[in-house]
Each structure stands twice: as C-alpha cells, then as structure tokens.
C-alpha cells in the first residue's frame, strides 16, 4: 500500500462562508477510506480547498481516481452540490514536510 495526499479545490456559483468550509472538513473526516483528514479552507469567497490522505494498492492513477471520487463525495455530503471540482492534486507525502494543510 502507498499513501498519497489529495488536495482539491472546488468553485461554487454562490458565495461560500466559514460554515461551508466547516461542513466540508467534517464531510472529509467522515468519508470511508480517508486515512487522515487535513480539513478545508475558504479561498476567494466562492472557492474552497480540502485535503486528505489515502492509501491505495497500486499507483498514483488509483489515487487520482479514488481521490476525485472522494472529493466529489465530500462536496455532496457538505451540501455543496453546485460546487465544481476545478483542481485535483495528488502527491506523495514529503519527508518531514507539511502534510495536510488546506
């Protein structure tokens, strides 16, 4: 098994607030398969970023597939159904570096 960090950004047609970011952070923590949740943070008022760690059996392509699905699932669980995933980044954890800061 290999661990990957998943960082995603979604843009909502309507303005977002801290409550939306909190709901997304809670949703990320509740998604089955998330090994470690890093939370969520507001961007420019209509965007939100989330981060989490997952383990996959194979390679980065599996992490991208699973990470995308889990990010969309978290947005839906946070009642951000209209938010569109606009950025998805998959990376290996850095040795001794920052891990899960949104």
PDB file of N, CA and C in Angstrom:
ATOM      1  N   UNK A   1       0.841  -1.184   0.000  1.00  0.00           N
ATOM      2  CA  UNK A   1       0.000   0.000   0.000  1.00  0.00           C
ATOM      3  C   UNK A   1       0.884   1.245   0.000  1.00  0.00           C
ATOM      4  N   UNK A   2       0.447   2.244  -0.738  1.00  0.00           N
ATOM      5  CA  UNK A   2       1.154   3.520  -0.802  1.00  0.00           C
ATOM      6  C   UNK A   2       0.219   4.634  -0.356  1.00  0.00           C
ATOM      7  N   UNK A   3       0.774   5.560   0.412  1.00  0.00           N
ATOM      8  CA  UNK A   3      -0.016   6.694   0.868  1.00  0.00           C
ATOM      9  C   UNK A   3       0.179   7.880  -0.078  1.00  0.00           C
ATOM     10  N   UNK A   4      -0.921   8.555  -0.393  1.00  0.00           N
ATOM     11  CA  UNK A   4      -0.903   9.748  -1.229  1.00  0.00           C
ATOM     12  C   UNK A   4      -1.703  10.849  -0.560  1.00  0.00           C
ATOM     13  N   UNK A   5      -1.277  12.074  -0.780  1.00  0.00           N
ATOM     14  CA  UNK A   5      -2.024  13.236  -0.323  1.00  0.00           C
ATOM     15  C   UNK A   5      -2.896  13.718  -1.470  1.00  0.00           C
ATOM     16  N   UNK A   6      -4.129  14.039  -1.151  1.00  0.00           N
ATOM     17  CA  UNK A   6      -5.087  14.531  -2.137  1.00  0.00           C
ATOM     18  C   UNK A   6      -5.491  15.941  -1.719  1.00  0.00           C
ATOM     19  N   UNK A   7      -5.276  16.898  -2.598  1.00  0.00           N
ATOM     20  CA  UNK A   7      -5.673  18.293  -2.357  1.00  0.00           C
ATOM     21  C   UNK A   7      -6.579  18.703  -3.521  1.00  0.00           C
ATOM     22  N   UNK A   8      -7.744  19.244  -3.184  1.00  0.00           N
ATOM     23  CA  UNK A   8      -8.679  19.635  -4.233  1.00  0.00           C
ATOM     24  C   UNK A   8      -9.262  21.013  -3.956  1.00  0.00           C
ATOM     25  N   UNK A   9      -9.657  21.671  -5.029  1.00  0.00           N
ATOM     26  CA  UNK A   9     -10.333  22.962  -4.942  1.00  0.00           C
ATOM     27  C   UNK A   9     -11.600  22.879  -5.768  1.00  0.00           C
ATOM     28  N   UNK A  10     -12.669  23.426  -5.205  1.00  0.00           N
ATOM     29  CA  UNK A  10     -13.951  23.482  -5.897  1.00  0.00           C
ATOM     30  C   UNK A  10     -14.445  24.919  -5.887  1.00  0.00           C
ATOM     31  N   UNK A  11     -15.148  25.288  -6.959  1.00  0.00           N
ATOM     32  CA  UNK A  11     -15.715  26.630  -7.076  1.00  0.00           C
ATOM     33  C   UNK A  11     -17.231  26.506  -7.066  1.00  0.00           C
ATOM     34  N   UNK A  12     -17.858  27.345  -6.268  1.00  0.00           N
ATOM     35  CA  UNK A  12     -19.303  27.361  -6.118  1.00  0.00           C
ATOM     36  C   UNK A  12     -19.873  28.587  -6.831  1.00  0.00           C
ATOM     37  N   UNK A  13     -21.046  28.481  -7.469  1.00  0.00           N
ATOM     38  CA  UNK A  13     -21.608  29.653  -8.132  1.00  0.00           C
ATOM     39  C   UNK A  13     -22.030  30.746  -7.148  1.00  0.00           C
ATOM     40  N   UNK A  14     -22.371  30.361  -5.926  1.00  0.00           N
ATOM     41  CA  UNK A  14     -22.768  31.324  -4.892  1.00  0.00           C
ATOM     42  C   UNK A  14     -21.635  31.489  -3.887  1.00  0.00           C
ATOM     43  N   UNK A  15     -21.593  32.624  -3.193  1.00  0.00           N
ATOM     44  CA  UNK A  15     -20.548  32.834  -2.180  1.00  0.00           C
ATOM     45  C   UNK A  15     -20.584  31.771  -1.081  1.00  0.00           C
ATOM     46  N   UNK A  16     -19.415  31.440  -0.588  1.00  0.00           N
ATOM     47  CA  UNK A  16     -19.265  30.467   0.497  1.00  0.00           C
ATOM     48  C   UNK A  16     -18.865  31.195   1.774  1.00  0.00           C
ATOM     49  N   UNK A  17     -19.097  30.546   2.920  1.00  0.00           N
ATOM     50  CA  UNK A  17     -18.672  31.118   4.196  1.00  0.00           C
ATOM     51  C   UNK A  17     -17.974  30.051   5.037  1.00  0.00           C
ATOM     52  N   UNK A  18     -17.556  30.446   6.215  1.00  0.00           N
ATOM     53  CA  UNK A  18     -16.814  29.515   7.096  1.00  0.00           C
ATOM     54  C   UNK A  18     -17.635  28.278   7.437  1.00  0.00           C
ATOM     55  N   UNK A  19     -18.946  28.429   7.523  1.00  0.00           N
ATOM     56  CA  UNK A  19     -19.801  27.269   7.797  1.00  0.00           C
ATOM     57  C   UNK A  19     -19.693  26.220   6.703  1.00  0.00           C
ATOM     58  N   UNK A  20     -19.589  26.665   5.458  1.00  0.00           N
ATOM     59  CA  UNK A  20     -19.414  25.733   4.342  1.00  0.00           C
ATOM     60  C   UNK A  20     -18.089  24.990   4.464  1.00  0.00           C
ATOM     61  N   UNK A  21     -17.031  25.717   4.811  1.00  0.00           N
ATOM     62  CA  UNK A  21     -15.716  25.087   4.978  1.00  0.00           C
ATOM     63  C   UNK A  21     -15.739  24.088   6.135  1.00  0.00           C
ATOM     64  N   UNK A  22     -16.423  24.431   7.229  1.00  0.00           N
ATOM     65  CA  UNK A  22     -16.524  23.502   8.364  1.00  0.00           C
ATOM     66  C   UNK A  22     -17.284  22.235   7.979  1.00  0.00           C
ATOM     67  N   UNK A  23     -18.369  22.405   7.240  1.00  0.00           N
ATOM     68  CA  UNK A  23     -19.136  21.232   6.799  1.00  0.00           C
ATOM     69  C   UNK A  23     -18.298  20.349   5.879  1.00  0.00           C
ATOM     70  N   UNK A  24     -17.502  20.972   5.011  1.00  0.00           N
ATOM     71  CA  UNK A  24     -16.640  20.187   4.127  1.00  0.00           C
ATOM     72  C   UNK A  24     -15.577  19.447   4.932  1.00  0.00           C
ATOM     73  N   UNK A  25     -14.980  20.114   5.911  1.00  0.00           N
ATOM     74  CA  UNK A  25     -13.975  19.453   6.754  1.00  0.00           C
ATOM     75  C   UNK A  25     -14.584  18.260   7.476  1.00  0.00           C
ATOM     76  N   UNK A  26     -15.796  18.428   8.008  1.00  0.00           N
ATOM     77  CA  UNK A  26     -16.484  17.317   8.691  1.00  0.00           C
ATOM     78  C   UNK A  26     -16.780  16.186   7.711  1.00  0.00           C
ATOM     79  N   UNK A  27     -17.196  16.546   6.498  1.00  0.00           N
ATOM     80  CA  UNK A  27     -17.506  15.527   5.492  1.00  0.00           C
ATOM     81  C   UNK A  27     -16.255  14.746   5.099  1.00  0.00           C
ATOM     82  N   UNK A  28     -15.133  15.433   4.963  1.00  0.00           N
ATOM     83  CA  UNK A  28     -13.881  14.743   4.627  1.00  0.00           C
ATOM     84  C   UNK A  28     -13.544  13.720   5.708  1.00  0.00           C
ATOM     85  N   UNK A  29     -13.682  14.118   6.965  1.00  0.00           N
ATOM     86  CA  UNK A  29     -13.377  13.188   8.069  1.00  0.00           C
ATOM     87  C   UNK A  29     -14.284  11.966   8.061  1.00  0.00           C
ATOM     88  N   UNK A  30     -15.496  12.107   7.553  1.00  0.00           N
ATOM     89  CA  UNK A  30     -16.471  11.020   7.588  1.00  0.00           C
ATOM     90  C   UNK A  30     -16.403  10.088   6.379  1.00  0.00           C
ATOM     91  N   UNK A  31     -15.650  10.446   5.348  1.00  0.00           N
ATOM     92  CA  UNK A  31     -15.599   9.630   4.132  1.00  0.00           C
ATOM     93  C   UNK A  31     -14.825   8.340   4.415  1.00  0.00           C
ATOM     94  N   UNK A  32     -15.454   7.182   4.167  1.00  0.00           N
ATOM     95  CA  UNK A  32     -14.723   5.917   4.339  1.00  0.00           C
ATOM     96  C   UNK A  32     -13.511   5.872   3.409  1.00  0.00           C
ATOM     97  N   UNK A  33     -12.398   5.406   3.922  1.00  0.00           N
ATOM     98  CA  UNK A  33     -11.180   5.300   3.132  1.00  0.00           C
ATOM     99  C   UNK A  33     -10.206   6.437   3.335  1.00  0.00           C
ATOM    100  N   UNK A  34     -10.646   7.526   3.977  1.00  0.00           N
ATOM    101  CA  UNK A  34      -9.729   8.629   4.283  1.00  0.00           C
ATOM    102  C   UNK A  34      -8.887   8.210   5.478  1.00  0.00           C
ATOM    103  N   UNK A  35      -7.572   8.142   5.281  1.00  0.00           N
ATOM    104  CA  UNK A  35      -6.677   7.749   6.367  1.00  0.00           C
ATOM    105  C   UNK A  35      -6.440   8.887   7.341  1.00  0.00           C
ATOM    106  N   UNK A  36      -6.309  10.084   6.805  1.00  0.00           N
ATOM    107  CA  UNK A  36      -6.041  11.260   7.630  1.00  0.00           C
ATOM    108  C   UNK A  36      -6.682  12.462   6.948  1.00  0.00           C
ATOM    109  N   UNK A  37      -7.480  13.210   7.707  1.00  0.00           N
ATOM    110  CA  UNK A  37      -8.153  14.378   7.158  1.00  0.00           C
ATOM    111  C   UNK A  37      -7.390  15.635   7.532  1.00  0.00           C
ATOM    112  N   UNK A  38      -7.189  16.495   6.550  1.00  0.00           N
ATOM    113  CA  UNK A  38      -6.487  17.748   6.808  1.00  0.00           C
ATOM    114  C   UNK A  38      -7.405  18.939   6.917  1.00  0.00           C
ATOM    115  N   UNK A  39      -8.689  18.738   6.627  1.00  0.00           N
ATOM    116  CA  UNK A  39      -9.637  19.823   6.764  1.00  0.00           C
ATOM    117  C   UNK A  39      -9.910  20.541   5.467  1.00  0.00           C
ATOM    118  N   UNK A  40     -10.483  21.757   5.625  1.00  0.00           N
ATOM    119  CA  UNK A  40     -10.878  22.556   4.476  1.00  0.00           C
ATOM    120  C   UNK A  40     -10.700  24.032   4.808  1.00  0.00           C
ATOM    121  N   UNK A  41     -10.516  24.846   3.780  1.00  0.00           N
ATOM    122  CA  UNK A  41     -10.337  26.287   3.968  1.00  0.00           C
ATOM    123  C   UNK A  41     -10.994  27.023   2.807  1.00  0.00           C
ATOM    124  N   UNK A  42     -11.554  28.188   3.122  1.00  0.00           N
ATOM    125  CA  UNK A  42     -12.129  29.040   2.086  1.00  0.00           C
ATOM    126  C   UNK A  42     -11.036  29.647   1.237  1.00  0.00           C
ATOM    127  N   UNK A  43     -11.358  29.883  -0.019  1.00  0.00           N
ATOM    128  CA  UNK A  43     -10.444  30.573  -0.920  1.00  0.00           C
ATOM    129  C   UNK A  43     -10.891  32.002  -1.110  1.00  0.00           C
ATOM    130  N   UNK A  44     -11.283  32.334  -2.324  1.00  0.00           N
ATOM    131  CA  UNK A  44     -11.618  33.709  -2.685  1.00  0.00           C
ATOM    132  C   UNK A  44     -13.062  34.110  -2.405  1.00  0.00           C
ATOM    133  N   UNK A  45     -13.790  33.342  -1.671  1.00  0.00           N
ATOM    134  CA  UNK A  45     -15.192  33.642  -1.384  1.00  0.00           C
ATOM    135  C   UNK A  45     -16.145  32.726  -2.116  1.00  0.00           C
ATOM    136  N   UNK A  46     -15.711  32.198  -3.259  1.00  0.00           N
ATOM    137  CA  UNK A  46     -16.520  31.230  -3.984  1.00  0.00           C
ATOM    138  C   UNK A  46     -15.792  29.905  -4.180  1.00  0.00           C
ATOM    139  N   UNK A  47     -14.597  29.795  -3.596  1.00  0.00           N
ATOM    140  CA  UNK A  47     -13.859  28.533  -3.706  1.00  0.00           C
ATOM    141  C   UNK A  47     -13.531  28.000  -2.320  1.00  0.00           C
ATOM    142  N   UNK A  48     -13.350  26.702  -2.278  1.00  0.00           N
ATOM    143  CA  UNK A  48     -12.983  26.020  -1.041  1.00  0.00           C
ATOM    144  C   UNK A  48     -11.974  24.932  -1.406  1.00  0.00           C
ATOM    145  N   UNK A  49     -11.002  24.730  -0.522  1.00  0.00           N
ATOM    146  CA  UNK A  49      -9.969  23.716  -0.727  1.00  0.00           C
ATOM    147  C   UNK A  49     -10.031  22.702   0.401  1.00  0.00           C
ATOM    148  N   UNK A  50      -9.906  21.441   0.042  1.00  0.00           N
ATOM    149  CA  UNK A  50      -9.875  20.362   1.028  1.00  0.00           C
ATOM    150  C   UNK A  50      -8.648  19.509   0.812  1.00  0.00           C
ATOM    151  N   UNK A  51      -8.246  18.816   1.876  1.00  0.00           N
ATOM    152  CA  UNK A  51      -7.062  17.955   1.778  1.00  0.00           C
ATOM    153  C   UNK A  51      -7.244  16.739   2.679  1.00  0.00           C
ATOM    154  N   UNK A  52      -6.755  15.596   2.165  1.00  0.00           N
ATOM    155  CA  UNK A  52      -6.809  14.363   2.946  1.00  0.00           C
ATOM    156  C   UNK A  52      -5.760  13.389   2.416  1.00  0.00           C
ATOM    157  N   UNK A  53      -5.505  12.344   3.177  1.00  0.00           N
ATOM    158  CA  UNK A  53      -4.553  11.303   2.784  1.00  0.00           C
ATOM    159  C   UNK A  53      -5.312   9.992   2.596  1.00  0.00           C
ATOM    160  N   UNK A  54      -4.907   9.238   1.574  1.00  0.00           N
ATOM    161  CA  UNK A  54      -5.488   7.921   1.322  1.00  0.00           C
ATOM    162  C   UNK A  54      -4.364   6.938   1.030  1.00  0.00           C
ATOM    163  N   UNK A  55      -4.687   5.663   1.188  1.00  0.00           N
ATOM    164  CA  UNK A  55      -3.764   4.601   0.796  1.00  0.00           C
ATOM    165  C   UNK A  55      -4.391   3.827  -0.344  1.00  0.00           C
ATOM    166  N   UNK A  56      -3.586   3.483  -1.331  1.00  0.00           N
ATOM    167  CA  UNK A  56      -4.056   2.703  -2.476  1.00  0.00           C
ATOM    168  C   UNK A  56      -3.119   1.527  -2.707  1.00  0.00           C
ATOM    169  N   UNK A  57      -3.649   0.499  -3.348  1.00  0.00           N
ATOM    170  CA  UNK A  57      -2.871  -0.709  -3.614  1.00  0.00           C
ATOM    171  C   UNK A  57      -1.836  -0.512  -4.707  1.00  0.00           C
ATOM    172  N   UNK A  58      -2.173   0.248  -5.719  1.00  0.00           N
ATOM    173  CA  UNK A  58      -1.327   0.316  -6.891  1.00  0.00           C
ATOM    174  C   UNK A  58      -0.529   1.608  -6.967  1.00  0.00           C
ATOM    175  N   UNK A  59      -0.894   2.461  -7.897  1.00  0.00           N
ATOM    176  CA  UNK A  59      -0.066   3.625  -8.191  1.00  0.00           C
ATOM    177  C   UNK A  59      -0.867   4.912  -8.121  1.00  0.00           C
ATOM    178  N   UNK A  60      -0.228   5.987  -8.555  1.00  0.00           N
ATOM    179  CA  UNK A  60      -0.816   7.321  -8.489  1.00  0.00           C
ATOM    180  C   UNK A  60      -2.128   7.407  -9.271  1.00  0.00           C
ATOM    181  N   UNK A  61      -2.267   6.663 -10.351  1.00  0.00           N
ATOM    182  CA  UNK A  61      -3.513   6.700 -11.117  1.00  0.00           C
ATOM    183  C   UNK A  61      -4.688   6.246 -10.250  1.00  0.00           C
ATOM    184  N   UNK A  62      -4.465   5.253  -9.408  1.00  0.00           N
ATOM    185  CA  UNK A  62      -5.514   4.800  -8.492  1.00  0.00           C
ATOM    186  C   UNK A  62      -5.829   5.874  -7.460  1.00  0.00           C
ATOM    187  N   UNK A  63      -4.810   6.558  -6.988  1.00  0.00           N
ATOM    188  CA  UNK A  63      -5.019   7.636  -6.016  1.00  0.00           C
ATOM    189  C   UNK A  63      -5.810   8.776  -6.651  1.00  0.00           C
ATOM    190  N   UNK A  64      -5.541   9.080  -7.925  1.00  0.00           N
ATOM    191  CA  UNK A  64      -6.276  10.140  -8.617  1.00  0.00           C
ATOM    192  C   UNK A  64      -7.736   9.743  -8.802  1.00  0.00           C
ATOM    193  N   UNK A  65      -7.962   8.519  -9.212  1.00  0.00           N
ATOM    194  CA  UNK A  65      -9.341   8.044  -9.404  1.00  0.00           C
ATOM    195  C   UNK A  65     -10.108   8.071  -8.081  1.00  0.00           C
ATOM    196  N   UNK A  66      -9.522   7.462  -7.043  1.00  0.00           N
ATOM    197  CA  UNK A  66     -10.196   7.396  -5.746  1.00  0.00           C
ATOM    198  C   UNK A  66     -10.303   8.772  -5.101  1.00  0.00           C
ATOM    199  N   UNK A  67      -9.254   9.580  -5.224  1.00  0.00           N
ATOM    200  CA  UNK A  67      -9.259  10.910  -4.628  1.00  0.00           C
ATOM    201  C   UNK A  67     -10.314  11.804  -5.245  1.00  0.00           C
ATOM    202  N   UNK A  68     -10.485  11.722  -6.555  1.00  0.00           N
ATOM    203  CA  UNK A  68     -11.506  12.507  -7.240  1.00  0.00           C
ATOM    204  C   UNK A  68     -12.899  12.106  -6.766  1.00  0.00           C
ATOM    205  N   UNK A  69     -13.135  10.814  -6.707  1.00  0.00           N
ATOM    206  CA  UNK A  69     -14.431  10.312  -6.247  1.00  0.00           C
ATOM    207  C   UNK A  69     -14.711  10.758  -4.820  1.00  0.00           C
ATOM    208  N   UNK A  70     -13.703  10.653  -3.946  1.00  0.00           N
ATOM    209  CA  UNK A  70     -13.879  11.011  -2.539  1.00  0.00           C
ATOM    210  C   UNK A  70     -14.081  12.517  -2.362  1.00  0.00           C
ATOM    211  N   UNK A  71     -13.391  13.314  -3.164  1.00  0.00           N
ATOM    212  CA  UNK A  71     -13.567  14.771  -3.096  1.00  0.00           C
ATOM    213  C   UNK A  71     -14.993  15.145  -3.489  1.00  0.00           C
ATOM    214  N   UNK A  72     -15.497  14.555  -4.565  1.00  0.00           N
ATOM    215  CA  UNK A  72     -16.865  14.834  -5.001  1.00  0.00           C
ATOM    216  C   UNK A  72     -17.873  14.369  -3.954  1.00  0.00           C
ATOM    217  N   UNK A  73     -17.600  13.222  -3.351  1.00  0.00           N
ATOM    218  CA  UNK A  73     -18.472  12.699  -2.299  1.00  0.00           C
ATOM    219  C   UNK A  73     -18.498  13.651  -1.101  1.00  0.00           C
ATOM    220  N   UNK A  74     -17.345  14.192  -0.726  1.00  0.00           N
ATOM    221  CA  UNK A  74     -17.268  15.128   0.398  1.00  0.00           C
ATOM    222  C   UNK A  74     -18.034  16.412   0.089  1.00  0.00           C
ATOM    223  N   UNK A  75     -17.909  16.932  -1.133  1.00  0.00           N
ATOM    224  CA  UNK A  75     -18.651  18.133  -1.518  1.00  0.00           C
ATOM    225  C   UNK A  75     -20.155  17.895  -1.417  1.00  0.00           C
ATOM    226  N   UNK A  76     -20.590  16.752  -1.887  1.00  0.00           N
ATOM    227  CA  UNK A  76     -22.013  16.426  -1.828  1.00  0.00           C
ATOM    228  C   UNK A  76     -22.474  16.295  -0.377  1.00  0.00           C
ATOM    229  N   UNK A  77     -21.704  15.618   0.451  1.00  0.00           N
ATOM    230  CA  UNK A  77     -22.064  15.439   1.861  1.00  0.00           C
ATOM    231  C   UNK A  77     -22.097  16.769   2.613  1.00  0.00           C
ATOM    232  N   UNK A  78     -21.330  17.738   2.139  1.00  0.00           N
ATOM    233  CA  UNK A  78     -21.299  19.067   2.776  1.00  0.00           C
ATOM    234  C   UNK A  78     -22.372  19.993   2.198  1.00  0.00           C
ATOM    235  N   UNK A  79     -23.300  19.443   1.418  1.00  0.00           N
ATOM    236  CA  UNK A  79     -24.366  20.224   0.778  1.00  0.00           C
ATOM    237  C   UNK A  79     -23.823  21.281  -0.186  1.00  0.00           C
ATOM    238  N   UNK A  80     -22.719  20.971  -0.830  1.00  0.00           N
ATOM    239  CA  UNK A  80     -22.144  21.856  -1.841  1.00  0.00           C
ATOM    240  C   UNK A  80     -22.320  21.211  -3.215  1.00  0.00           C
ATOM    241  N   UNK A  81     -23.566  20.827  -3.503  1.00  0.00           N
ATOM    242  CA  UNK A  81     -23.881  20.098  -4.733  1.00  0.00           C
ATOM    243  C   UNK A  81     -23.562  20.873  -6.000  1.00  0.00           C
ATOM    244  N   UNK A  82     -23.618  22.200  -5.943  1.00  0.00           N
ATOM    245  CA  UNK A  82     -23.365  23.014  -7.140  1.00  0.00           C
ATOM    246  C   UNK A  82     -21.887  23.333  -7.340  1.00  0.00           C
ATOM    247  N   UNK A  83     -21.054  23.010  -6.350  1.00  0.00           N
ATOM    248  CA  UNK A  83     -19.617  23.294  -6.458  1.00  0.00           C
ATOM    249  C   UNK A  83     -18.989  22.357  -7.485  1.00  0.00           C
ATOM    250  N   UNK A  84     -18.151  22.919  -8.327  1.00  0.00           N
ATOM    251  CA  UNK A  84     -17.457  22.149  -9.367  1.00  0.00           C
ATOM    252  C   UNK A  84     -15.999  21.966  -8.986  1.00  0.00           C
ATOM    253  N   UNK A  85     -15.540  20.744  -9.071  1.00  0.00           N
ATOM    254  CA  UNK A  85     -14.142  20.432  -8.812  1.00  0.00           C
ATOM    255  C   UNK A  85     -13.304  21.027  -9.944  1.00  0.00           C
ATOM    256  N   UNK A  86     -12.397  21.958  -9.605  1.00  0.00           N
ATOM    257  CA  UNK A  86     -11.602  22.633 -10.637  1.00  0.00           C
ATOM    258  C   UNK A  86     -10.106  22.314 -10.544  1.00  0.00           C
ATOM    259  N   UNK A  87      -9.691  21.725  -9.429  1.00  0.00           N
ATOM    260  CA  UNK A  87      -8.273  21.393  -9.268  1.00  0.00           C
ATOM    261  C   UNK A  87      -8.169  20.161  -8.384  1.00  0.00           C
ATOM    262  N   UNK A  88      -7.368  19.199  -8.803  1.00  0.00           N
ATOM    263  CA  UNK A  88      -7.124  17.974  -8.039  1.00  0.00           C
ATOM    264  C   UNK A  88      -5.641  17.686  -8.112  1.00  0.00           C
ATOM    265  N   UNK A  89      -4.998  17.634  -6.956  1.00  0.00           N
ATOM    266  CA  UNK A  89      -3.551  17.374  -6.914  1.00  0.00           C
ATOM    267  C   UNK A  89      -3.292  16.140  -6.067  1.00  0.00           C
ATOM    268  N   UNK A  90      -2.511  15.245  -6.625  1.00  0.00           N
ATOM    269  CA  UNK A  90      -2.134  14.011  -5.959  1.00  0.00           C
ATOM    270  C   UNK A  90      -0.630  14.047  -5.773  1.00  0.00           C
ATOM    271  N   UNK A  91      -0.168  13.805  -4.558  1.00  0.00           N
ATOM    272  CA  UNK A  91       1.278  13.820  -4.318  1.00  0.00           C
ATOM    273  C   UNK A  91       1.654  12.804  -3.252  1.00  0.00           C
ATOM    274  N   UNK A  92       2.914  12.439  -3.271  1.00  0.00           N
ATOM    275  CA  UNK A  92       3.466  11.611  -2.202  1.00  0.00           C
ATOM    276  C   UNK A  92       3.767  12.517  -1.009  1.00  0.00           C
ATOM    277  N   UNK A  93       3.624  12.015   0.201  1.00  0.00           N
ATOM    278  CA  UNK A  93       3.967  12.834   1.366  1.00  0.00           C
ATOM    279  C   UNK A  93       5.458  13.187   1.356  1.00  0.00           C
ATOM    280  N   UNK A  94       5.785  14.420   1.678  1.00  0.00           N
ATOM    281  CA  UNK A  94       7.187  14.860   1.756  1.00  0.00           C
ATOM    282  C   UNK A  94       7.774  14.436   3.100  1.00  0.00           C
ATOM    283  N   UNK A  95       8.995  13.965   3.069  1.00  0.00           N
ATOM    284  CA  UNK A  95       9.681  13.590   4.294  1.00  0.00           C
ATOM    285  C   UNK A  95       9.854  14.808   5.193  1.00  0.00           C
ATOM    286  N   UNK A  96       9.227  14.797   6.347  1.00  0.00           N
ATOM    287  CA  UNK A  96       9.392  15.881   7.314  1.00  0.00           C
ATOM    288  C   UNK A  96       8.757  17.194   6.913  1.00  0.00           C
ATOM    289  N   UNK A  97       8.066  17.233   5.768  1.00  0.00           N
ATOM    290  CA  UNK A  97       7.460  18.477   5.294  1.00  0.00           C
ATOM    291  C   UNK A  97       6.019  18.600   5.768  1.00  0.00           C
ATOM    292  N   UNK A  98       5.397  19.730   5.434  1.00  0.00           N
ATOM    293  CA  UNK A  98       3.995  19.896   5.815  1.00  0.00           C
ATOM    294  C   UNK A  98       3.147  18.852   5.120  1.00  0.00           C
ATOM    295  N   UNK A  99       2.151  18.345   5.826  1.00  0.00           N
ATOM    296  CA  UNK A  99       1.364  17.262   5.267  1.00  0.00           C
ATOM    297  C   UNK A  99      -0.016  17.712   4.802  1.00  0.00           C
ATOM    298  N   UNK A 100      -0.820  18.066   5.724  1.00  0.00           N
ATOM    299  CA  UNK A 100      -2.229  18.220   5.391  1.00  0.00           C
ATOM    300  C   UNK A 100      -2.779  19.581   5.740  1.00  0.00           C
ATOM    301  N   UNK A 101      -2.166  20.615   5.225  1.00  0.00           N
ATOM    302  CA  UNK A 101      -2.658  21.959   5.452  1.00  0.00           C
ATOM    303  C   UNK A 101      -3.437  22.414   4.223  1.00  0.00           C
ATOM    304  N   UNK A 102      -4.736  22.737   4.410  1.00  0.00           N
ATOM    305  CA  UNK A 102      -5.503  23.172   3.235  1.00  0.00           C
ATOM    306  C   UNK A 102      -5.038  24.501   2.694  1.00  0.00           C
TER     307      UNK A 102
END
